[in-house]
Amino acid sequence: ASRQPDLVENLGLAFAAFSPDGTLLGLAY
């Protein structure tokens, strides 16, 4: 947000996914 404030306007979570072993969580906004 400090570098690209327009990009984080109206930001919302769209999708999430775990790694096969469930230790990492990828997040898409």
PDB file of all heavy atoms in Angstrom:
ATOM      1  N   ALA A   1       0.827  -1.218   0.000  1.00  0.00           N
ATOM      2  CA  ALA A   1       0.000   0.000   0.000  1.00  0.00           C
ATOM      3  C   ALA A   1       0.854   1.258   0.000  1.00  0.00           C
ATOM      4  O   ALA A   1       0.467   2.280  -0.582  1.00  0.00           O
ATOM      5  CB  ALA A   1      -0.917  -0.010   1.219  1.00  0.00           C
ATOM      6  N   SER A   2       2.014   1.190   0.638  1.00  0.00           N
ATOM      7  CA  SER A   2       2.882   2.374   0.673  1.00  0.00           C
ATOM      8  C   SER A   2       3.518   2.639  -0.686  1.00  0.00           C
ATOM      9  O   SER A   2       3.871   3.767  -0.994  1.00  0.00           O
ATOM     10  CB  SER A   2       3.970   2.188   1.736  1.00  0.00           C
ATOM     11  OG  SER A   2       4.801   1.087   1.400  1.00  0.00           O
ATOM     12  N   ARG A   3       3.654   1.590  -1.518  1.00  0.00           N
ATOM     13  CA  ARG A   3       4.276   1.750  -2.829  1.00  0.00           C
ATOM     14  C   ARG A   3       3.250   1.928  -3.938  1.00  0.00           C
ATOM     15  O   ARG A   3       3.466   2.683  -4.882  1.00  0.00           O
ATOM     16  CB  ARG A   3       5.153   0.532  -3.140  1.00  0.00           C
ATOM     17  CG  ARG A   3       6.229   0.267  -2.118  1.00  0.00           C
ATOM     18  CD  ARG A   3       7.197  -0.823  -2.581  1.00  0.00           C
ATOM     19  NE  ARG A   3       6.524  -2.065  -2.927  1.00  0.00           N
ATOM     20  CZ  ARG A   3       6.248  -3.019  -2.051  1.00  0.00           C
ATOM     21  NH1 ARG A   3       6.588  -2.865  -0.778  1.00  0.00           N
ATOM     22  NH2 ARG A   3       5.641  -4.133  -2.427  1.00  0.00           N
ATOM     23  N   GLN A   4       2.129   1.196  -3.866  1.00  0.00           N
ATOM     24  CA  GLN A   4       1.093   1.251  -4.902  1.00  0.00           C
ATOM     25  C   GLN A   4      -0.279   1.372  -4.240  1.00  0.00           C
ATOM     26  O   GLN A   4      -1.033   0.400  -4.174  1.00  0.00           O
ATOM     27  CB  GLN A   4       1.152  -0.001  -5.784  1.00  0.00           C
ATOM     28  CG  GLN A   4       2.444  -0.162  -6.571  1.00  0.00           C
ATOM     29  CD  GLN A   4       2.483  -1.478  -7.330  1.00  0.00           C
ATOM     30  OE1 GLN A   4       2.918  -2.491  -6.810  1.00  0.00           O
ATOM     31  NE2 GLN A   4       2.021  -1.455  -8.583  1.00  0.00           N
ATOM     32  N   PRO A   5      -0.602   2.548  -3.725  1.00  0.00           N
ATOM     33  CA  PRO A   5      -1.863   2.700  -2.978  1.00  0.00           C
ATOM     34  C   PRO A   5      -3.101   2.374  -3.788  1.00  0.00           C
ATOM     35  O   PRO A   5      -4.079   1.851  -3.247  1.00  0.00           O
ATOM     36  CB  PRO A   5      -1.831   4.176  -2.545  1.00  0.00           C
ATOM     37  CG  PRO A   5      -0.833   4.836  -3.442  1.00  0.00           C
ATOM     38  CD  PRO A   5       0.169   3.797  -3.793  1.00  0.00           C
ATOM     39  N   ASP A   6      -3.088   2.650  -5.102  1.00  0.00           N
ATOM     40  CA  ASP A   6      -4.268   2.347  -5.926  1.00  0.00           C
ATOM     41  C   ASP A   6      -4.540   0.853  -5.998  1.00  0.00           C
ATOM     42  O   ASP A   6      -5.692   0.427  -6.128  1.00  0.00           O
ATOM     43  CB  ASP A   6      -4.071   2.890  -7.352  1.00  0.00           C
ATOM     44  CG  ASP A   6      -4.122   4.400  -7.402  1.00  0.00           C
ATOM     45  OD1 ASP A   6      -4.527   5.002  -6.387  1.00  0.00           O
ATOM     46  OD2 ASP A   6      -3.734   4.976  -8.430  1.00  0.00           O
ATOM     47  N   LEU A   7      -3.481   0.055  -5.896  1.00  0.00           N
ATOM     48  CA  LEU A   7      -3.620  -1.382  -6.056  1.00  0.00           C
ATOM     49  C   LEU A   7      -4.376  -2.023  -4.897  1.00  0.00           C
ATOM     50  O   LEU A   7      -5.059  -3.031  -5.069  1.00  0.00           O
ATOM     51  CB  LEU A   7      -2.240  -2.024  -6.205  1.00  0.00           C
ATOM     52  CG  LEU A   7      -2.183  -3.444  -6.742  1.00  0.00           C
ATOM     53  CD1 LEU A   7      -2.806  -3.532  -8.125  1.00  0.00           C
ATOM     54  CD2 LEU A   7      -0.745  -3.932  -6.782  1.00  0.00           C
ATOM     55  N   VAL A   8      -4.256  -1.456  -3.711  1.00  0.00           N
ATOM     56  CA  VAL A   8      -4.895  -2.067  -2.542  1.00  0.00           C
ATOM     57  C   VAL A   8      -6.255  -1.436  -2.228  1.00  0.00           C
ATOM     58  O   VAL A   8      -6.851  -1.746  -1.197  1.00  0.00           O
ATOM     59  CB  VAL A   8      -3.966  -1.989  -1.306  1.00  0.00           C
ATOM     60  CG1 VAL A   8      -2.709  -2.795  -1.537  1.00  0.00           C
ATOM     61  CG2 VAL A   8      -3.623  -0.553  -0.965  1.00  0.00           C
ATOM     62  N   GLU A   9      -6.747  -0.587  -3.116  1.00  0.00           N
ATOM     63  CA  GLU A   9      -8.104  -0.061  -2.940  1.00  0.00           C
ATOM     64  C   GLU A   9      -9.115  -1.189  -3.150  1.00  0.00           C
ATOM     65  O   GLU A   9      -8.973  -2.009  -4.048  1.00  0.00           O
ATOM     66  CB  GLU A   9      -8.375   1.067  -3.938  1.00  0.00           C
ATOM     67  CG  GLU A   9      -7.819   2.407  -3.509  1.00  0.00           C
ATOM     68  CD  GLU A   9      -8.357   3.530  -4.379  1.00  0.00           C
ATOM     69  OE1 GLU A   9      -9.521   3.425  -4.827  1.00  0.00           O
ATOM     70  OE2 GLU A   9      -7.618   4.500  -4.616  1.00  0.00           O
ATOM     71  N   ASN A  10     -10.140  -1.211  -2.318  1.00  0.00           N
ATOM     72  CA  ASN A  10     -11.204  -2.225  -2.410  1.00  0.00           C
ATOM     73  C   ASN A  10     -10.646  -3.644  -2.392  1.00  0.00           C
ATOM     74  O   ASN A  10     -11.169  -4.542  -3.064  1.00  0.00           O
ATOM     75  CB  ASN A  10     -12.026  -2.019  -3.696  1.00  0.00           C
ATOM     76  CG  ASN A  10     -12.535  -0.602  -3.828  1.00  0.00           C
ATOM     77  OD1 ASN A  10     -13.091  -0.046  -2.888  1.00  0.00           O
ATOM     78  ND2 ASN A  10     -12.322  -0.004  -4.996  1.00  0.00           N
ATOM     79  N   LEU A  11      -9.570  -3.847  -1.643  1.00  0.00           N
ATOM     80  CA  LEU A  11      -8.897  -5.137  -1.633  1.00  0.00           C
ATOM     81  C   LEU A  11      -9.753  -6.184  -0.912  1.00  0.00           C
ATOM     82  O   LEU A  11     -10.273  -5.924   0.171  1.00  0.00           O
ATOM     83  CB  LEU A  11      -7.539  -5.009  -0.937  1.00  0.00           C
ATOM     84  CG  LEU A  11      -6.548  -6.136  -1.210  1.00  0.00           C
ATOM     85  CD1 LEU A  11      -6.007  -6.033  -2.629  1.00  0.00           C
ATOM     86  CD2 LEU A  11      -5.392  -6.069  -0.225  1.00  0.00           C
ATOM     87  N   GLY A  12      -9.900  -7.348  -1.523  1.00  0.00           N
ATOM     88  CA  GLY A  12     -10.670  -8.430  -0.911  1.00  0.00           C
ATOM     89  C   GLY A  12     -10.070  -9.780  -1.231  1.00  0.00           C
ATOM     90  O   GLY A  12      -9.486  -9.976  -2.303  1.00  0.00           O
ATOM     91  N   LEU A  13     -10.198 -10.716  -0.302  1.00  0.00           N
ATOM     92  CA  LEU A  13      -9.679 -12.060  -0.510  1.00  0.00           C
ATOM     93  C   LEU A  13     -10.500 -12.772  -1.587  1.00  0.00           C
ATOM     94  O   LEU A  13     -11.724 -12.809  -1.528  1.00  0.00           O
ATOM     95  CB  LEU A  13      -9.734 -12.850   0.796  1.00  0.00           C
ATOM     96  CG  LEU A  13      -9.206 -14.290   0.748  1.00  0.00           C
ATOM     97  CD1 LEU A  13      -7.699 -14.299   0.532  1.00  0.00           C
ATOM     98  CD2 LEU A  13      -9.570 -15.032   2.024  1.00  0.00           C
ATOM     99  N   ALA A  14      -9.817 -13.346  -2.569  1.00  0.00           N
ATOM    100  CA  ALA A  14     -10.497 -14.062  -3.653  1.00  0.00           C
ATOM    101  C   ALA A  14     -10.305 -15.561  -3.565  1.00  0.00           C
ATOM    102  O   ALA A  14     -11.222 -16.327  -3.873  1.00  0.00           O
ATOM    103  CB  ALA A  14      -9.969 -13.562  -5.008  1.00  0.00           C
ATOM    104  N   PHE A  15      -9.138 -15.989  -3.151  1.00  0.00           N
ATOM    105  CA  PHE A  15      -8.851 -17.420  -3.174  1.00  0.00           C
ATOM    106  C   PHE A  15      -7.704 -17.704  -2.218  1.00  0.00           C
ATOM    107  O   PHE A  15      -6.856 -16.840  -1.980  1.00  0.00           O
ATOM    108  CB  PHE A  15      -8.459 -17.857  -4.591  1.00  0.00           C
ATOM    109  CG  PHE A  15      -8.351 -19.347  -4.769  1.00  0.00           C
ATOM    110  CD1 PHE A  15      -9.475 -20.122  -4.935  1.00  0.00           C
ATOM    111  CD2 PHE A  15      -7.110 -19.970  -4.783  1.00  0.00           C
ATOM    112  CE1 PHE A  15      -9.387 -21.498  -5.103  1.00  0.00           C
ATOM    113  CE2 PHE A  15      -7.004 -21.341  -4.955  1.00  0.00           C
ATOM    114  CZ  PHE A  15      -8.151 -22.105  -5.115  1.00  0.00           C
ATOM    115  N   ALA A  16      -7.697 -18.900  -1.641  1.00  0.00           N
ATOM    116  CA  ALA A  16      -6.597 -19.355  -0.792  1.00  0.00           C
ATOM    117  C   ALA A  16      -6.356 -20.823  -1.063  1.00  0.00           C
ATOM    118  O   ALA A  16      -7.270 -21.550  -1.466  1.00  0.00           O
ATOM    119  CB  ALA A  16      -6.909 -19.121   0.682  1.00  0.00           C
ATOM    120  N   ALA A  17      -5.134 -21.259  -0.848  1.00  0.00           N
ATOM    121  CA  ALA A  17      -4.802 -22.672  -1.068  1.00  0.00           C
ATOM    122  C   ALA A  17      -3.628 -23.055  -0.183  1.00  0.00           C
ATOM    123  O   ALA A  17      -2.698 -22.263   0.016  1.00  0.00           O
ATOM    124  CB  ALA A  17      -4.460 -22.935  -2.529  1.00  0.00           C
ATOM    125  N   PHE A  18      -3.683 -24.279   0.347  1.00  0.00           N
ATOM    126  CA  PHE A  18      -2.618 -24.802   1.185  1.00  0.00           C
ATOM    127  C   PHE A  18      -1.605 -25.571   0.340  1.00  0.00           C
ATOM    128  O   PHE A  18      -1.933 -26.101  -0.722  1.00  0.00           O
ATOM    129  CB  PHE A  18      -3.190 -25.767   2.229  1.00  0.00           C
ATOM    130  CG  PHE A  18      -3.980 -25.111   3.329  1.00  0.00           C
ATOM    131  CD1 PHE A  18      -5.348 -24.931   3.196  1.00  0.00           C
ATOM    132  CD2 PHE A  18      -3.365 -24.706   4.497  1.00  0.00           C
ATOM    133  CE1 PHE A  18      -6.104 -24.356   4.209  1.00  0.00           C
ATOM    134  CE2 PHE A  18      -4.097 -24.127   5.520  1.00  0.00           C
ATOM    135  CZ  PHE A  18      -5.462 -23.945   5.378  1.00  0.00           C
ATOM    136  N   SER A  19      -0.378 -25.679   0.854  1.00  0.00           N
ATOM    137  CA  SER A  19       0.597 -26.600   0.280  1.00  0.00           C
ATOM    138  C   SER A  19       0.142 -28.030   0.573  1.00  0.00           C
ATOM    139  O   SER A  19      -0.715 -28.251   1.432  1.00  0.00           O
ATOM    140  CB  SER A  19       1.981 -26.343   0.898  1.00  0.00           C
ATOM    141  OG  SER A  19       1.942 -26.511   2.307  1.00  0.00           O
ATOM    142  N   PRO A  20       0.682 -29.030  -0.134  1.00  0.00           N
ATOM    143  CA  PRO A  20       0.223 -30.409   0.081  1.00  0.00           C
ATOM    144  C   PRO A  20       0.287 -30.872   1.532  1.00  0.00           C
ATOM    145  O   PRO A  20      -0.566 -31.629   1.978  1.00  0.00           O
ATOM    146  CB  PRO A  20       1.168 -31.229  -0.804  1.00  0.00           C
ATOM    147  CG  PRO A  20       1.539 -30.304  -1.908  1.00  0.00           C
ATOM    148  CD  PRO A  20       1.628 -28.951  -1.263  1.00  0.00           C
ATOM    149  N   ASP A  21       1.306 -30.400   2.288  1.00  0.00           N
ATOM    150  CA  ASP A  21       1.418 -30.819   3.688  1.00  0.00           C
ATOM    151  C   ASP A  21       0.707 -29.880   4.650  1.00  0.00           C
ATOM    152  O   ASP A  21       0.765 -30.066   5.867  1.00  0.00           O
ATOM    153  CB  ASP A  21       2.889 -30.953   4.090  1.00  0.00           C
ATOM    154  CG  ASP A  21       3.655 -29.639   3.976  1.00  0.00           C
ATOM    155  OD1 ASP A  21       3.036 -28.617   3.605  1.00  0.00           O
ATOM    156  OD2 ASP A  21       4.867 -29.634   4.247  1.00  0.00           O
ATOM    157  N   GLY A  22       0.016 -28.869   4.132  1.00  0.00           N
ATOM    158  CA  GLY A  22      -0.775 -27.983   4.979  1.00  0.00           C
ATOM    159  C   GLY A  22       0.015 -26.993   5.799  1.00  0.00           C
ATOM    160  O   GLY A  22      -0.535 -26.378   6.715  1.00  0.00           O
ATOM    161  N   THR A  23       1.298 -26.765   5.478  1.00  0.00           N
ATOM    162  CA  THR A  23       2.118 -25.861   6.288  1.00  0.00           C
ATOM    163  C   THR A  23       2.244 -24.463   5.692  1.00  0.00           C
ATOM    164  O   THR A  23       2.668 -23.540   6.380  1.00  0.00           O
ATOM    165  CB  THR A  23       3.522 -26.436   6.481  1.00  0.00           C
ATOM    166  OG1 THR A  23       4.137 -26.628   5.200  1.00  0.00           O
ATOM    167  CG2 THR A  23       3.465 -27.775   7.207  1.00  0.00           C
ATOM    168  N   LEU A  24       1.914 -24.292   4.421  1.00  0.00           N
ATOM    169  CA  LEU A  24       1.962 -22.979   3.767  1.00  0.00           C
ATOM    170  C   LEU A  24       0.584 -22.642   3.227  1.00  0.00           C
ATOM    171  O   LEU A  24      -0.136 -23.517   2.749  1.00  0.00           O
ATOM    172  CB  LEU A  24       2.971 -22.976   2.615  1.00  0.00           C
ATOM    173  CG  LEU A  24       4.461 -23.050   2.964  1.00  0.00           C
ATOM    174  CD1 LEU A  24       5.269 -23.229   1.697  1.00  0.00           C
ATOM    175  CD2 LEU A  24       4.908 -21.798   3.698  1.00  0.00           C
ATOM    176  N   LEU A  25       0.248 -21.365   3.307  1.00  0.00           N
ATOM    177  CA  LEU A  25      -1.044 -20.905   2.798  1.00  0.00           C
ATOM    178  C   LEU A  25      -0.804 -19.804   1.776  1.00  0.00           C
ATOM    179  O   LEU A  25      -0.233 -18.755   2.098  1.00  0.00           O
ATOM    180  CB  LEU A  25      -1.908 -20.377   3.946  1.00  0.00           C
ATOM    181  CG  LEU A  25      -3.319 -19.900   3.566  1.00  0.00           C
ATOM    182  CD1 LEU A  25      -4.157 -21.062   3.043  1.00  0.00           C
ATOM    183  CD2 LEU A  25      -3.999 -19.250   4.770  1.00  0.00           C
ATOM    184  N   GLY A  26      -1.200 -20.062   0.531  1.00  0.00           N
ATOM    185  CA  GLY A  26      -1.141 -19.044  -0.506  1.00  0.00           C
ATOM    186  C   GLY A  26      -2.439 -18.254  -0.534  1.00  0.00           C
ATOM    187  O   GLY A  26      -3.521 -18.828  -0.414  1.00  0.00           O
ATOM    188  N   LEU A  27      -2.328 -16.941  -0.699  1.00  0.00           N
ATOM    189  CA  LEU A  27      -3.501 -16.066  -0.646  1.00  0.00           C
ATOM    190  C   LEU A  27      -3.544 -15.183  -1.884  1.00  0.00           C
ATOM    191  O   LEU A  27      -2.535 -14.579  -2.263  1.00  0.00           O
ATOM    192  CB  LEU A  27      -3.439 -15.190   0.609  1.00  0.00           C
ATOM    193  CG  LEU A  27      -3.467 -15.970   1.932  1.00  0.00           C
ATOM    194  CD1 LEU A  27      -2.719 -15.231   3.012  1.00  0.00           C
ATOM    195  CD2 LEU A  27      -4.889 -16.220   2.358  1.00  0.00           C
ATOM    196  N   ALA A  28      -4.720 -15.123  -2.516  1.00  0.00           N
ATOM    197  CA  ALA A  28      -4.925 -14.284  -3.694  1.00  0.00           C
ATOM    198  C   ALA A  28      -5.980 -13.234  -3.370  1.00  0.00           C
ATOM    199  O   ALA A  28      -7.046 -13.559  -2.830  1.00  0.00           O
ATOM    200  CB  ALA A  28      -5.375 -15.128  -4.879  1.00  0.00           C
ATOM    201  N   TYR A  29      -5.676 -11.986  -3.688  1.00  0.00           N
ATOM    202  CA  TYR A  29      -6.578 -10.864  -3.424  1.00  0.00           C
ATOM    203  C   TYR A  29      -6.889 -10.148  -4.732  1.00  0.00           C
ATOM    204  O   TYR A  29      -6.085 -10.144  -5.677  1.00  0.00           O
ATOM    205  CB  TYR A  29      -5.934  -9.854  -2.473  1.00  0.00           C
ATOM    206  CG  TYR A  29      -5.579 -10.385  -1.117  1.00  0.00           C
ATOM    207  CD1 TYR A  29      -4.369 -11.053  -0.902  1.00  0.00           C
ATOM    208  CD2 TYR A  29      -6.424 -10.216  -0.022  1.00  0.00           C
ATOM    209  CE1 TYR A  29      -4.030 -11.529   0.349  1.00  0.00           C
ATOM    210  CE2 TYR A  29      -6.088 -10.693   1.232  1.00  0.00           C
ATOM    211  CZ  TYR A  29      -4.894 -11.354   1.406  1.00  0.00           C
ATOM    212  OH  TYR A  29      -4.555 -11.830   2.647  1.00  0.00           O
TER     213      TYR A  29
END
